[in-house]
Amino acid sequence: MVNPVRPRQVDRREFAECSPLVRVTRFGWARDWLPLVIDLVALDMAGTTIDDHGSVYVALKSSVEETGATVAEADLQKWMGTDKVTAISALMQRGGQEPDDDRVAAAFERFREILAQSYRDNPPVALPGVEDALRELQGRGILIALTTGFSDDVALPLLESIGWTVGPGEEHLLDAVVTTSHVTAGRPAPYLIHHAMELTGVTDVRRVLAAGDTVVDLLAAHNAESSASGS
């Protein structure tokens, strides 16, 4: 059994600016309650556990604008965190373009190309404190799943680039990864979280904590009937 270690106190600015994952683990460890009520954390990737330097935001905006659509910042924020094909279709329609299947597919391909180039130019890294927080969760027997609005072909190379792997044992950081390739609908539907439960063998949604940095992350947690933490 790992002895609980109380973290140092953090000031209000540091607490507000850190990742939702780091925030909730510090809060939970400080009060020793988190391992008592949580079996699984289901965490968003870009913006919550991984700093992609805003690359997803830029790639989504650029790929939709290339179709001739006008992309309002409020609309872009609304669709961040969702399945990217769904987001492109919705943003095209909001921006005055017809989102037929061929045009959406072409825009999604451009999204992948822009994002891949951005990742080559400015590789993603783990957000400060996240790996320590994940190891802390792991050491206390809490299962860790990443969920994302990316498909496998985007998410898995991203994880490989920062050296995060899935499997049993301390040599691996994650217990499951769920992408939009694995479910019938992405956020705000609850299926990413529910599939993470299936993969990890967790059966009580009340013992799941979902964390993310967008509104749809929190909506997905609400729809899954799990606990939630967000920016």
Protein backbone atom coordinates (compact mmCIF):
# COMPACT_ATOMS: atom_id res chain seq x y z
CA MET A 1 0.00 0.00 0.00
CA VAL A 2 1.26 3.46 -0.89
CA ASN A 3 1.31 5.92 1.97
CA PRO A 4 -0.72 9.07 1.30
CA VAL A 5 1.47 12.10 0.73
CA ARG A 6 -0.09 15.48 1.23
CA PRO A 7 0.97 17.95 -1.48
CA ARG A 8 2.29 21.38 -0.70
CA GLN A 9 -0.24 24.20 -0.60
CA VAL A 10 -0.77 26.07 -3.87
CA ASP A 11 -1.87 29.65 -4.23
CA ARG A 12 -5.14 30.57 -5.95
CA ARG A 13 -3.52 31.68 -9.24
CA GLU A 14 -1.52 28.45 -9.57
CA PHE A 15 -4.64 26.43 -8.74
CA ALA A 16 -6.66 28.23 -11.42
CA GLU A 17 -4.01 27.93 -14.13
CA CYS A 18 -3.03 24.27 -13.78
CA SER A 19 -4.56 21.36 -15.66
CA PRO A 20 -7.98 20.14 -14.43
CA LEU A 21 -6.30 16.80 -13.69
CA VAL A 22 -3.55 18.35 -11.57
CA ARG A 23 -6.09 20.55 -9.81
CA VAL A 24 -8.40 17.73 -8.79
CA THR A 25 -5.61 15.41 -7.69
CA ARG A 26 -4.05 18.09 -5.51
CA PHE A 27 -7.44 18.87 -4.01
CA GLY A 28 -8.24 15.19 -3.50
CA TRP A 29 -4.90 14.24 -1.99
CA ALA A 30 -4.99 17.24 0.33
CA ARG A 31 -8.16 15.82 1.83
CA ASP A 32 -7.39 12.11 1.34
CA TRP A 33 -10.83 11.45 -0.19
CA LEU A 34 -10.10 10.76 -3.86
CA PRO A 35 -9.05 7.09 -3.61
CA LEU A 36 -12.08 6.39 -1.43
CA VAL A 37 -14.66 7.44 -4.01
CA ILE A 38 -13.00 7.06 -7.45
CA ASP A 39 -12.01 3.87 -9.31
CA LEU A 40 -11.42 5.43 -12.75
CA VAL A 41 -10.43 8.80 -14.16
CA ALA A 42 -11.43 9.47 -17.77
CA LEU A 43 -9.33 12.34 -19.04
CA ASP A 44 -9.39 14.43 -22.17
CA MET A 45 -6.16 14.63 -24.13
CA ALA A 46 -5.30 17.97 -25.81
CA GLY A 47 -5.63 20.83 -23.34
CA THR A 48 -6.20 18.63 -20.28
CA THR A 49 -3.27 16.22 -20.14
CA ILE A 50 -1.30 17.23 -23.24
CA ASP A 51 -0.14 20.70 -24.32
CA ASP A 52 -0.48 20.74 -28.09
CA HIS A 53 0.29 24.48 -28.24
CA GLY A 54 -3.16 25.25 -29.66
CA SER A 55 -2.54 23.15 -32.76
CA VAL A 56 -5.98 21.50 -32.77
CA TYR A 57 -7.69 24.89 -32.55
CA VAL A 58 -5.68 26.26 -35.48
CA ALA A 59 -6.05 23.12 -37.60
CA LEU A 60 -9.82 22.97 -37.13
CA LYS A 61 -10.29 26.66 -37.89
CA SER A 62 -8.01 26.61 -40.94
CA SER A 63 -9.48 23.44 -42.45
CA VAL A 64 -13.01 24.83 -42.24
CA GLU A 65 -12.04 28.27 -43.51
CA GLU A 66 -10.42 26.65 -46.54
CA THR A 67 -13.92 25.48 -47.57
CA GLY A 68 -14.98 29.13 -47.81
CA ALA A 69 -16.82 29.13 -44.50
CA THR A 70 -16.53 31.96 -42.00
CA VAL A 71 -15.62 30.60 -38.58
CA ALA A 72 -16.75 32.64 -35.58
CA GLU A 73 -14.64 32.23 -32.45
CA ALA A 74 -17.72 31.44 -30.35
CA ASP A 75 -18.72 28.65 -32.73
CA LEU A 76 -15.19 27.25 -32.74
CA GLN A 77 -15.12 27.17 -28.95
CA LYS A 78 -18.50 25.44 -28.88
CA TRP A 79 -17.29 22.58 -31.09
CA MET A 80 -13.83 22.10 -29.58
CA GLY A 81 -13.64 18.72 -27.86
CA THR A 82 -16.19 17.07 -30.13
CA ASP A 83 -15.64 14.52 -32.87
CA LYS A 84 -13.75 16.44 -35.53
CA VAL A 85 -15.85 15.27 -38.50
CA THR A 86 -18.97 16.39 -36.67
CA ALA A 87 -17.29 19.68 -35.76
CA ILE A 88 -16.22 20.38 -39.34
CA SER A 89 -19.71 19.67 -40.65
CA ALA A 90 -21.34 21.93 -38.07
CA LEU A 91 -18.85 24.76 -38.56
CA MET A 92 -19.20 24.63 -42.34
CA GLN A 93 -22.95 24.92 -42.05
CA ARG A 94 -22.70 27.75 -39.51
CA GLY A 95 -20.20 29.48 -41.77
CA GLY A 96 -22.42 29.41 -44.87
CA GLN A 97 -21.13 26.32 -46.67
CA GLU A 98 -23.00 23.13 -47.56
CA PRO A 99 -21.46 20.25 -45.55
CA ASP A 100 -21.98 17.40 -48.00
CA ASP A 101 -20.09 14.20 -47.32
CA ASP A 102 -17.33 14.72 -49.88
CA ARG A 103 -16.55 18.27 -48.77
CA VAL A 104 -16.53 17.30 -45.11
CA ALA A 105 -14.23 14.36 -45.83
CA ALA A 106 -11.86 16.62 -47.76
CA ALA A 107 -11.87 19.20 -44.96
CA PHE A 108 -11.18 16.49 -42.40
CA GLU A 109 -8.22 15.29 -44.45
CA ARG A 110 -6.91 18.88 -44.48
CA PHE A 111 -7.43 19.05 -40.71
CA ARG A 112 -5.25 15.96 -40.31
CA GLU A 113 -2.57 17.36 -42.64
CA ILE A 114 -2.44 20.75 -40.92
CA LEU A 115 -2.37 19.14 -37.48
CA ALA A 116 0.36 16.67 -38.43
CA GLN A 117 2.55 19.48 -39.79
CA SER A 118 1.95 21.54 -36.68
CA TYR A 119 2.94 18.62 -34.47
CA ARG A 120 6.13 18.15 -36.50
CA ASP A 121 6.97 21.85 -36.20
CA ASN A 122 6.07 22.16 -32.52
CA PRO A 123 5.79 18.73 -30.86
CA PRO A 124 3.20 18.30 -28.11
CA VAL A 125 4.33 17.76 -24.53
CA ALA A 126 2.66 16.71 -21.30
CA LEU A 127 1.17 19.63 -19.40
CA PRO A 128 3.12 20.61 -16.27
CA GLY A 129 2.47 18.27 -13.36
CA VAL A 130 0.35 15.84 -15.36
CA GLU A 131 2.74 12.88 -15.47
CA ASP A 132 3.35 13.16 -11.73
CA ALA A 133 -0.41 13.30 -11.15
CA LEU A 134 -0.95 10.23 -13.34
CA ARG A 135 1.75 8.31 -11.48
CA GLU A 136 0.14 9.35 -8.20
CA LEU A 137 -3.22 8.03 -9.37
CA GLN A 138 -1.60 4.82 -10.58
CA GLY A 139 0.21 4.32 -7.27
CA ARG A 140 -3.07 4.62 -5.40
CA GLY A 141 -4.80 2.01 -7.52
CA ILE A 142 -6.95 4.38 -9.58
CA LEU A 143 -7.38 3.37 -13.22
CA ILE A 144 -6.52 5.90 -15.93
CA ALA A 145 -8.23 6.27 -19.32
CA LEU A 146 -7.77 8.95 -21.93
CA THR A 147 -10.78 9.95 -24.03
CA THR A 148 -10.66 12.20 -27.05
CA GLY A 149 -12.52 13.73 -29.96
CA PHE A 150 -9.70 12.47 -32.18
CA SER A 151 -9.85 9.28 -34.23
CA ASP A 152 -7.23 6.55 -33.81
CA ASP A 153 -5.07 7.80 -36.65
CA VAL A 154 -4.60 11.16 -34.89
CA ALA A 155 -4.65 10.14 -31.23
CA LEU A 156 -2.34 7.12 -31.22
CA PRO A 157 0.66 8.78 -32.94
CA LEU A 158 0.19 11.74 -30.58
CA LEU A 159 0.48 9.45 -27.55
CA GLU A 160 3.44 7.64 -29.10
CA SER A 161 5.22 10.96 -29.63
CA ILE A 162 5.18 11.72 -25.90
CA GLY A 163 5.91 8.14 -24.85
CA TRP A 164 2.61 7.25 -23.15
CA THR A 165 1.61 3.60 -23.49
CA VAL A 166 -1.35 1.42 -22.51
CA GLY A 167 -1.05 -1.76 -20.51
CA PRO A 168 -0.70 -3.33 -17.06
CA GLY A 169 2.23 -2.55 -14.81
CA GLU A 170 4.17 0.54 -13.84
CA GLU A 171 6.02 0.65 -17.15
CA HIS A 172 2.77 1.82 -18.74
CA LEU A 173 1.04 5.06 -17.79
CA LEU A 174 -2.47 4.33 -19.10
CA ASP A 175 -5.07 1.61 -18.66
CA ALA A 176 -7.19 2.54 -21.71
CA VAL A 177 -7.47 5.00 -24.58
CA VAL A 178 -10.85 5.66 -26.20
CA THR A 179 -11.13 7.63 -29.43
CA THR A 180 -14.04 8.42 -31.71
CA SER A 181 -13.00 5.37 -33.76
CA HIS A 182 -14.43 3.19 -30.98
CA VAL A 183 -17.87 4.73 -30.40
CA THR A 184 -20.98 5.62 -32.37
CA ALA A 185 -20.88 9.28 -31.27
CA GLY A 186 -18.34 11.52 -29.60
CA ARG A 187 -18.93 14.18 -26.98
CA PRO A 188 -21.29 15.42 -25.63
CA ALA A 189 -22.63 11.85 -25.86
CA PRO A 190 -21.44 9.75 -22.89
CA TYR A 191 -20.08 6.86 -24.93
CA LEU A 192 -16.36 7.67 -24.65
CA ILE A 193 -16.64 7.52 -20.87
CA HIS A 194 -18.85 4.44 -20.89
CA HIS A 195 -16.47 2.59 -23.22
CA ALA A 196 -13.56 3.50 -20.95
CA MET A 197 -15.51 1.83 -18.15
CA GLU A 198 -16.02 -1.27 -20.29
CA LEU A 199 -12.32 -1.50 -21.13
CA THR A 200 -11.22 -1.12 -17.51
CA GLY A 201 -13.94 -3.23 -15.91
CA VAL A 202 -15.45 -0.39 -13.87
CA THR A 203 -19.22 -0.87 -13.48
CA ASP A 204 -20.33 1.99 -11.21
CA VAL A 205 -20.42 5.32 -13.03
CA ARG A 206 -20.60 7.09 -9.69
CA ARG A 207 -17.00 5.99 -9.12
CA VAL A 208 -15.76 7.64 -12.33
CA LEU A 209 -14.25 11.11 -12.52
CA ALA A 210 -14.11 12.75 -15.96
CA ALA A 211 -11.88 15.79 -16.52
CA GLY A 212 -11.57 18.11 -19.50
CA ASP A 213 -11.01 21.68 -20.61
CA THR A 214 -14.09 22.27 -22.78
CA VAL A 215 -17.81 22.61 -22.20
CA VAL A 216 -18.52 19.41 -24.11
CA ASP A 217 -16.15 17.50 -21.82
CA LEU A 218 -18.35 18.49 -18.90
CA LEU A 219 -21.54 17.80 -20.83
CA ALA A 220 -20.29 14.31 -21.66
CA ALA A 221 -19.56 13.69 -17.98
CA HIS A 222 -23.04 14.95 -17.08
CA ASN A 223 -24.63 12.69 -19.69
CA ALA A 224 -22.58 9.75 -18.43
CA GLU A 225 -23.73 10.57 -14.87
CA SER A 226 -20.14 10.65 -13.64
CA SER A 227 -18.33 13.26 -11.56
CA ALA A 228 -16.61 16.02 -13.52
CA SER A 229 -13.74 18.50 -13.29
CA GLY A 230 -13.05 21.22 -15.85
CA SER A 231 -11.23 24.44 -16.50
